[in-house]
Amino acid sequence: MTWDTWSREILKRFSGRLLSPVRGVPVAAQHPHPATSLRDVAARAGVSVGTVSNVLNHPTKVSAQTAERVFAAIEELGFVRNEAARQLRQGRSRSVGLIVLDIRNPFFTDVAQGVEDEVTARLRSVLLANCAEDAARESAYLDLFEEQRVDGVLISPVGDVLDRLDRLRSRGMAVVLVDRLASTESYSSVSVDDVLGGRLAVAHLLETGRRRILFVGASTEIEQVRDRLEGARQAVAECAGATLEYREIAGMHLEPALAEGQRIVALPPDERPDAVFAANDLIAIGMLQAFTLGGVSTPQDVALIGYDDIEYAAAAAIPLSSIRQPSREMGRRAAEMLLAEIESGSDGERQHIVFEPELVARASTLG
C-alpha cells in the first residue's frame, strides 16, 4: 500500500468515527462522553501534542507507525475532536449544504445520493435541507448555512434567490445551481434541457395519435415546470389539430395529482383529454391511481407520460412512460464543480453542464 493510499484510509477511519455519514452530525453530539484532550492523547501515545495535531490534520507529515500509535490512543481514550472549535480556528467547516426542491420526489433523492458520493469521497460531509417547494423555507435554510459557515452550497432553487446567492459569494462561499441553468456567469450550474424534454414527451403523445393534450404541473414560477410547458407548446404548435391545456395543481406530488385525476375521471368521456403530460412522475403516478380506481383505461382512454423516470415509473401497475434525467450523475457533477471552486477559490471559470433528456416509452402510452 502506498503512503498516499494509507493516509487516505487512516483519514477515512478517523472521519467515520467523528461524523455521521449522511448529514455530518458530530458523533459527540449523539454519544456524549467525558471530554478527552489532545494532551491526553499525546501522553497515552508517547508523542507531542503537535504530532497528534499532524496526524489529524496533516497525516503525510508523520510516519505510519506513529500515526497508528496515535489512533490506538484515540480509540482507547474515546477522543472526539472539537469540530466547532476547529472550524472557528480554520474558518472552514469541511461541510457543504444541499437544498433540494422537494425530497418527496425520488429524483432529488438520487441527486442527493450523487452529491454525497462525491463529497464524502473527499472526506467532507453533506448537510441536506428540503425546502418542499416553499421559498420561505428555502430562504431560512440559506440563512442557516450562512450561520453554519459551510464551505459551499448546492441549490435547486424554488424562488428567485440570486441576490441571496450573490451575498453568499461575496462572503467567500462557493455556490453551484443544480437542476437549474444559471442565468448569469456568476455561478456554475448542472441542468437538463427541460424545453427539449417537454417537446419529446408531447411529440411522443402526438405520434401515438393523441390530439387533446393536458399538461399538469405546479406553478410556472418553478423554472422546470415553465420550461417543460414551453417544450410541450412547441410540439403542439407543429401539429395541426392538436390542442394543449395547462392545469396548475397545488404541488408536484401525489395528493394533488390524485385529486386532479379524480376531476378528469368525473368528466364526460368526450370532454376528457386523450393524453396527459405530467410535469413529474409523482404527478403521473397519482393520476394513474385515480384513473385505475375510476375505471378510466390507460392508455386506451387517456395516455399518460411523466418526467424524471424515477425507479417507481417502471414498477407502476401500468408501466409509466417518462422522460429520463441522469439524476445521480447530475448530483455528482454538481458536487465535483463545487469542490473544485472551494479548493481553488471563487475566481475560476464557471461551467454550465446541460444534459439531454431521453424518452422512455412504456405501456402507459403504448398499450
Protein backbone atom coordinates (compact mmCIF):
# COMPACT_ATOMS: atom_id res chain seq x y z
CA MET A 1 0.00 0.00 0.00
CA THR A 2 1.41 3.40 -0.94
CA TRP A 3 1.79 6.15 1.63
CA ASP A 4 -0.90 8.23 -0.10
CA THR A 5 -3.36 5.34 -0.08
CA TRP A 6 -2.55 4.51 3.53
CA SER A 7 -3.02 8.09 4.71
CA ARG A 8 -6.38 8.32 2.96
CA GLU A 9 -7.52 5.12 4.64
CA ILE A 10 -6.42 6.44 8.02
CA LEU A 11 -8.33 9.66 7.47
CA LYS A 12 -11.43 7.76 6.41
CA ARG A 13 -11.27 5.64 9.53
CA PHE A 14 -10.99 8.66 11.77
CA SER A 15 -13.58 10.74 9.89
CA GLY A 16 -16.03 7.88 10.14
CA ARG A 17 -15.78 7.97 13.93
CA LEU A 18 -16.28 11.71 14.12
CA LEU A 19 -19.04 12.39 11.63
CA SER A 20 -22.31 10.69 10.95
CA PRO A 21 -22.03 9.53 7.33
CA VAL A 22 -25.06 11.30 5.87
CA ARG A 23 -25.51 14.70 7.43
CA GLY A 24 -22.25 15.45 9.15
CA VAL A 25 -23.68 15.43 12.67
CA PRO A 26 -20.81 15.19 15.16
CA VAL A 27 -20.88 11.80 16.84
CA ALA A 28 -20.02 13.55 20.09
CA ALA A 29 -23.47 15.13 19.96
CA GLN A 30 -25.03 11.69 19.56
CA HIS A 31 -22.98 9.77 22.15
CA PRO A 32 -21.55 12.23 24.70
CA HIS A 33 -18.73 11.04 26.96
CA PRO A 34 -16.20 12.76 29.24
CA ALA A 35 -14.02 15.17 27.30
CA THR A 36 -10.55 13.98 26.36
CA SER A 37 -7.95 16.49 25.20
CA LEU A 38 -5.18 16.35 22.61
CA ARG A 39 -2.76 16.44 25.52
CA ASP A 40 -4.30 13.24 26.94
CA VAL A 41 -3.96 11.51 23.57
CA ALA A 42 -0.35 12.69 23.22
CA ALA A 43 0.55 11.40 26.68
CA ARG A 44 -1.02 7.99 26.03
CA ALA A 45 0.70 7.65 22.62
CA GLY A 46 4.05 8.93 23.91
CA VAL A 47 4.24 11.78 21.38
CA SER A 48 3.92 15.55 21.41
CA VAL A 49 0.64 17.45 21.07
CA GLY A 50 1.94 18.78 17.75
CA THR A 51 2.38 15.23 16.45
CA VAL A 52 -1.23 14.37 17.36
CA SER A 53 -2.35 17.51 15.54
CA ASN A 54 -0.35 16.50 12.47
CA VAL A 55 -1.89 13.02 12.47
CA LEU A 56 -5.37 14.56 12.48
CA ASN A 57 -4.76 17.37 10.02
CA HIS A 58 -1.59 16.60 8.03
CA PRO A 59 -1.06 12.80 8.14
CA THR A 60 1.64 12.81 5.47
CA LYS A 61 3.93 14.62 7.93
CA VAL A 62 4.18 11.63 10.28
CA SER A 63 5.22 8.01 9.88
CA ALA A 64 2.70 5.21 9.57
CA GLN A 65 3.89 3.68 12.83
CA THR A 66 3.45 6.95 14.75
CA ALA A 67 0.01 7.52 13.27
CA GLU A 68 -1.07 4.02 14.28
CA ARG A 69 0.04 4.70 17.88
CA VAL A 70 -1.92 7.94 17.92
CA PHE A 71 -5.05 6.30 16.53
CA ALA A 72 -4.75 3.50 19.06
CA ALA A 73 -4.66 6.12 21.82
CA ILE A 74 -7.64 7.93 20.30
CA GLU A 75 -9.59 4.67 20.21
CA GLU A 76 -8.67 3.76 23.77
CA LEU A 77 -9.49 7.18 25.23
CA GLY A 78 -12.60 7.79 23.12
CA PHE A 79 -11.25 11.13 21.93
CA VAL A 80 -13.56 13.20 19.70
CA ARG A 81 -12.20 16.30 18.03
CA ASN A 82 -13.98 19.58 18.88
CA GLU A 83 -15.22 20.26 15.37
CA ALA A 84 -16.78 23.63 16.21
CA ALA A 85 -13.52 24.92 17.63
CA ARG A 86 -11.59 23.63 14.62
CA GLN A 87 -13.99 25.39 12.25
CA LEU A 88 -13.62 28.62 14.19
CA ARG A 89 -9.80 28.45 14.02
CA GLN A 90 -9.58 27.48 10.36
CA GLY A 91 -12.61 29.36 9.02
CA ARG A 92 -13.60 26.12 7.24
CA SER A 93 -16.31 23.61 8.09
CA ARG A 94 -15.40 20.81 5.67
CA SER A 95 -19.13 20.54 5.01
CA VAL A 96 -21.38 21.63 2.16
CA GLY A 97 -25.07 22.45 2.19
CA LEU A 98 -27.54 20.93 -0.27
CA ILE A 99 -31.01 22.47 -0.67
CA VAL A 100 -33.41 20.41 -2.78
CA LEU A 101 -36.76 21.45 -4.21
CA ASP A 102 -38.75 18.56 -2.69
CA ILE A 103 -37.25 15.45 -1.12
CA ARG A 104 -40.54 13.59 -1.61
CA ASN A 105 -39.58 13.33 -5.27
CA PRO A 106 -37.16 10.40 -5.70
CA PHE A 107 -35.43 12.40 -8.44
CA PHE A 108 -33.98 14.66 -5.74
CA THR A 109 -33.14 11.67 -3.54
CA ASP A 110 -31.00 10.39 -6.40
CA VAL A 111 -29.42 13.82 -6.90
CA ALA A 112 -28.58 13.92 -3.18
CA GLN A 113 -27.01 10.46 -3.43
CA GLY A 114 -24.79 11.62 -6.27
CA VAL A 115 -23.75 14.67 -4.24
CA GLU A 116 -22.97 12.56 -1.20
CA ASP A 117 -20.96 10.04 -3.21
CA GLU A 118 -18.64 12.77 -4.46
CA VAL A 119 -18.45 14.87 -1.29
CA THR A 120 -17.78 12.04 1.15
CA ALA A 121 -15.10 10.65 -1.16
CA ARG A 122 -13.28 13.94 -0.47
CA LEU A 123 -13.67 13.45 3.31
CA ARG A 124 -16.31 16.15 3.67
CA SER A 125 -19.88 15.96 4.92
CA VAL A 126 -23.24 16.96 3.41
CA LEU A 127 -25.97 18.89 5.22
CA LEU A 128 -29.26 18.16 3.46
CA ALA A 129 -32.18 20.62 3.52
CA ASN A 130 -35.61 20.19 1.94
CA CYS A 131 -37.42 23.41 1.01
CA ALA A 132 -40.59 21.48 -0.05
CA GLU A 133 -41.35 23.94 -2.87
CA ASP A 134 -41.52 26.75 -0.27
CA ALA A 135 -39.50 29.90 -0.97
CA ALA A 136 -39.63 30.97 2.70
CA ARG A 137 -38.13 27.67 3.84
CA GLU A 138 -35.50 27.96 1.14
CA SER A 139 -34.51 31.39 2.45
CA ALA A 140 -34.38 30.10 6.03
CA TYR A 141 -32.04 27.28 5.03
CA LEU A 142 -29.76 29.72 3.22
CA ASP A 143 -29.61 31.74 6.45
CA LEU A 144 -28.78 28.58 8.40
CA PHE A 145 -25.99 27.52 6.06
CA GLU A 146 -24.53 31.01 6.19
CA GLU A 147 -24.57 30.89 10.01
CA GLN A 148 -23.03 27.41 9.99
CA ARG A 149 -20.23 28.67 7.72
CA VAL A 150 -20.48 25.78 5.31
CA ASP A 151 -17.80 25.87 2.63
CA GLY A 152 -20.31 25.85 -0.21
CA VAL A 153 -23.96 25.48 -1.18
CA LEU A 154 -25.61 23.36 -3.85
CA ILE A 155 -29.16 24.51 -4.51
CA SER A 156 -32.10 23.59 -6.70
CA PRO A 157 -33.96 26.89 -6.32
CA VAL A 158 -37.70 27.23 -5.94
CA GLY A 159 -37.66 31.03 -5.99
CA ASP A 160 -35.55 33.90 -7.26
CA VAL A 161 -32.61 33.67 -4.89
CA LEU A 162 -29.81 35.17 -6.99
CA ASP A 163 -29.47 38.23 -4.74
CA ARG A 164 -29.10 35.96 -1.71
CA LEU A 165 -26.58 33.79 -3.51
CA ASP A 166 -24.63 36.89 -4.52
CA ARG A 167 -24.34 37.75 -0.83
CA LEU A 168 -23.03 34.29 0.00
CA ARG A 169 -20.48 34.54 -2.79
CA SER A 170 -19.34 37.95 -1.53
CA ARG A 171 -18.53 36.25 1.79
CA GLY A 172 -16.36 33.64 0.14
CA MET A 173 -18.87 30.78 -0.09
CA ALA A 174 -18.90 28.63 -3.22
CA VAL A 175 -22.31 28.16 -4.92
CA VAL A 176 -23.47 25.79 -7.69
CA LEU A 177 -27.00 25.54 -9.08
CA VAL A 178 -28.49 22.06 -9.53
CA ASP A 179 -31.34 21.28 -11.94
CA ARG A 180 -31.31 24.93 -12.97
CA LEU A 181 -29.31 26.59 -15.74
CA ALA A 182 -27.58 29.66 -14.32
CA SER A 183 -28.88 32.85 -15.92
CA THR A 184 -25.62 34.71 -15.22
CA GLU A 185 -21.94 33.87 -15.45
CA SER A 186 -21.61 34.27 -11.69
CA TYR A 187 -22.45 30.64 -10.95
CA SER A 188 -21.69 27.20 -12.29
CA SER A 189 -24.71 25.01 -12.92
CA VAL A 190 -25.84 21.49 -13.79
CA SER A 191 -29.19 21.11 -15.50
CA VAL A 192 -31.23 19.24 -18.09
CA ASP A 193 -32.72 20.78 -21.23
CA ASP A 194 -36.31 20.76 -19.95
CA VAL A 195 -37.67 22.52 -23.03
CA LEU A 196 -36.37 19.62 -25.09
CA GLY A 197 -37.81 17.20 -22.54
CA GLY A 198 -41.25 18.77 -22.88
CA ARG A 199 -41.01 18.54 -26.66
CA LEU A 200 -40.01 14.87 -26.51
CA ALA A 201 -42.91 13.99 -24.21
CA VAL A 202 -45.63 15.68 -26.23
CA ALA A 203 -44.18 14.72 -29.62
CA HIS A 204 -44.41 11.10 -28.46
CA LEU A 205 -48.06 11.55 -27.47
CA LEU A 206 -48.82 13.13 -30.84
CA GLU A 207 -47.06 10.29 -32.66
CA THR A 208 -49.42 7.83 -30.95
CA GLY A 209 -52.38 9.72 -32.40
CA ARG A 210 -53.33 11.85 -29.39
CA ARG A 211 -54.54 15.37 -30.05
CA ARG A 212 -56.16 16.73 -26.85
CA ILE A 213 -53.15 17.10 -24.56
CA LEU A 214 -53.36 18.17 -20.91
CA PHE A 215 -50.21 19.35 -19.13
CA VAL A 216 -50.41 19.03 -15.34
CA GLY A 217 -47.85 20.74 -13.11
CA ALA A 218 -47.31 23.11 -10.22
CA SER A 219 -46.80 26.85 -10.57
CA THR A 220 -44.86 28.08 -13.60
CA GLU A 221 -42.84 30.15 -11.13
CA ILE A 222 -40.86 26.91 -10.85
CA GLU A 223 -38.48 27.08 -13.80
CA GLN A 224 -38.57 23.36 -14.53
CA VAL A 225 -42.38 23.46 -14.88
CA ARG A 226 -42.19 26.55 -17.07
CA ASP A 227 -39.60 25.03 -19.40
CA ARG A 228 -41.41 21.69 -19.74
CA LEU A 229 -44.63 23.53 -20.57
CA GLU A 230 -42.80 25.60 -23.19
CA GLY A 231 -41.48 22.44 -24.82
CA ALA A 232 -44.99 20.98 -24.85
CA ARG A 233 -46.33 24.11 -26.53
CA GLN A 234 -43.65 23.96 -29.19
CA ALA A 235 -44.53 20.36 -30.05
CA VAL A 236 -48.27 21.10 -30.23
CA ALA A 237 -47.67 24.14 -32.43
CA GLU A 238 -46.11 21.87 -35.05
CA CYS A 239 -49.12 19.51 -35.21
CA ALA A 240 -52.30 20.63 -36.99
CA GLY A 241 -55.43 20.00 -34.95
CA ALA A 242 -53.62 19.41 -31.67
CA THR A 243 -54.53 21.38 -28.54
CA LEU A 244 -52.81 21.87 -25.19
CA GLU A 245 -54.39 22.80 -21.87
CA TYR A 246 -52.40 23.61 -18.72
CA ARG A 247 -53.73 22.73 -15.27
CA GLU A 248 -51.88 24.05 -12.23
CA ILE A 249 -52.12 21.89 -9.12
CA ALA A 250 -51.03 22.58 -5.54
CA GLY A 251 -47.71 20.73 -5.68
CA MET A 252 -45.53 18.28 -7.56
CA HIS A 253 -46.55 15.23 -5.52
CA LEU A 254 -49.15 12.51 -5.17
CA GLU A 255 -52.05 14.08 -3.25
CA PRO A 256 -52.89 16.99 -5.59
CA ALA A 257 -52.23 14.72 -8.57
CA LEU A 258 -54.75 12.19 -7.30
CA ALA A 259 -57.33 14.97 -6.94
CA GLU A 260 -56.67 16.16 -10.50
CA GLY A 261 -57.01 12.60 -11.77
CA GLN A 262 -60.36 12.28 -10.00
CA ARG A 263 -61.51 15.51 -11.65
CA ILE A 264 -60.73 14.07 -15.08
CA VAL A 265 -62.50 10.79 -14.24
CA ALA A 266 -65.65 12.77 -13.37
CA LEU A 267 -65.75 14.48 -16.78
CA PRO A 268 -67.93 13.10 -19.58
CA PRO A 269 -65.70 10.93 -21.83
CA ASP A 270 -65.92 13.35 -24.76
CA GLU A 271 -64.67 16.20 -22.55
CA ARG A 272 -61.63 14.40 -21.22
CA PRO A 273 -58.16 14.89 -22.67
CA ASP A 274 -56.93 11.89 -24.62
CA ALA A 275 -53.41 12.29 -23.18
CA VAL A 276 -51.79 13.78 -20.09
CA PHE A 277 -48.22 15.04 -19.81
CA ALA A 278 -47.38 15.23 -16.10
CA ALA A 279 -44.59 17.57 -15.01
CA ASN A 280 -43.02 14.75 -12.99
CA ASP A 281 -43.51 11.05 -12.33
CA LEU A 282 -45.14 11.52 -8.92
CA ILE A 283 -47.92 13.52 -10.56
CA ALA A 284 -48.27 10.87 -13.25
CA ILE A 285 -48.44 8.05 -10.68
CA GLY A 286 -51.08 9.88 -8.64
CA MET A 287 -53.20 10.43 -11.74
CA LEU A 288 -52.72 6.82 -12.85
CA GLN A 289 -54.09 5.68 -9.49
CA ALA A 290 -57.17 7.88 -9.94
CA PHE A 291 -57.73 6.59 -13.47
CA THR A 292 -57.44 2.96 -12.37
CA LEU A 293 -59.83 3.39 -9.44
CA GLY A 294 -62.27 5.40 -11.58
CA GLY A 295 -62.43 2.95 -14.47
CA VAL A 296 -60.55 5.08 -17.00
CA SER A 297 -58.25 2.84 -19.05
CA THR A 298 -54.63 3.81 -19.65
CA PRO A 299 -53.64 4.29 -22.42
CA GLN A 300 -56.86 3.34 -24.26
CA ASP A 301 -58.93 6.20 -22.80
CA VAL A 302 -56.19 8.55 -21.63
CA ALA A 303 -52.49 8.07 -22.41
CA LEU A 304 -50.09 9.23 -19.69
CA ILE A 305 -46.43 10.27 -19.65
CA GLY A 306 -44.37 11.58 -16.74
CA TYR A 307 -40.94 13.15 -16.26
CA ASP A 308 -37.77 12.06 -14.38
CA ASP A 309 -38.05 8.28 -14.91
CA ILE A 310 -37.83 7.55 -11.20
CA GLU A 311 -37.49 3.93 -10.07
CA TYR A 312 -41.24 3.60 -9.46
CA ALA A 313 -42.12 4.55 -13.05
CA ALA A 314 -41.19 1.17 -14.50
CA ALA A 315 -42.70 -0.63 -11.49
CA ALA A 316 -46.14 1.04 -11.70
CA ALA A 317 -49.23 -1.17 -12.21
CA ILE A 318 -49.18 0.10 -15.78
CA PRO A 319 -45.50 0.83 -16.52
CA LEU A 320 -45.17 4.57 -16.97
CA SER A 321 -43.67 6.29 -19.99
CA SER A 322 -41.35 9.06 -18.86
CA ILE A 323 -38.58 11.48 -19.74
CA ARG A 324 -35.35 10.27 -18.18
CA GLN A 325 -32.87 12.58 -16.44
CA PRO A 326 -29.42 11.42 -15.24
CA SER A 327 -30.23 12.44 -11.68
CA ARG A 328 -27.38 10.79 -9.79
CA GLU A 329 -24.80 11.93 -12.33
CA MET A 330 -26.19 15.47 -12.08
CA GLY A 331 -25.59 15.44 -8.33
CA ARG A 332 -22.10 14.03 -8.71
CA ARG A 333 -21.05 16.57 -11.33
CA ALA A 334 -22.51 19.47 -9.35
CA ALA A 335 -20.60 18.39 -6.24
CA GLU A 336 -17.44 17.99 -8.30
CA MET A 337 -17.71 21.58 -9.55
CA LEU A 338 -18.50 22.92 -6.07
CA LEU A 339 -15.49 21.20 -4.50
CA ALA A 340 -13.23 22.48 -7.28
CA GLU A 341 -14.44 26.01 -6.58
CA ILE A 342 -13.93 25.59 -2.83
CA GLU A 343 -10.38 24.36 -3.35
CA SER A 344 -9.36 26.90 -6.00
CA GLY A 345 -11.22 29.96 -4.76
CA SER A 346 -14.07 31.89 -6.37
CA ASP A 347 -12.15 33.36 -9.31
CA GLY A 348 -12.14 30.26 -11.52
CA GLU A 349 -14.03 29.80 -14.76
CA ARG A 350 -17.73 28.99 -14.41
CA GLN A 351 -19.06 25.82 -16.02
CA HIS A 352 -22.56 25.05 -17.28
CA ILE A 353 -23.35 21.40 -17.88
CA VAL A 354 -26.65 20.76 -19.69
CA PHE A 355 -27.67 17.13 -20.07
CA GLU A 356 -30.05 15.97 -22.79
CA PRO A 357 -33.18 14.15 -21.59
CA GLU A 358 -34.24 10.81 -23.04
CA LEU A 359 -37.70 9.44 -23.90
CA VAL A 360 -38.52 6.10 -22.26
CA ALA A 361 -41.74 4.74 -23.79
CA ARG A 362 -43.72 2.15 -21.82
CA ALA A 363 -47.25 0.75 -21.59
CA SER A 364 -48.93 3.95 -20.34
CA THR A 365 -48.63 5.41 -23.85
CA LEU A 366 -48.03 2.33 -25.99
CA GLY A 367 -50.58 -0.11 -24.57
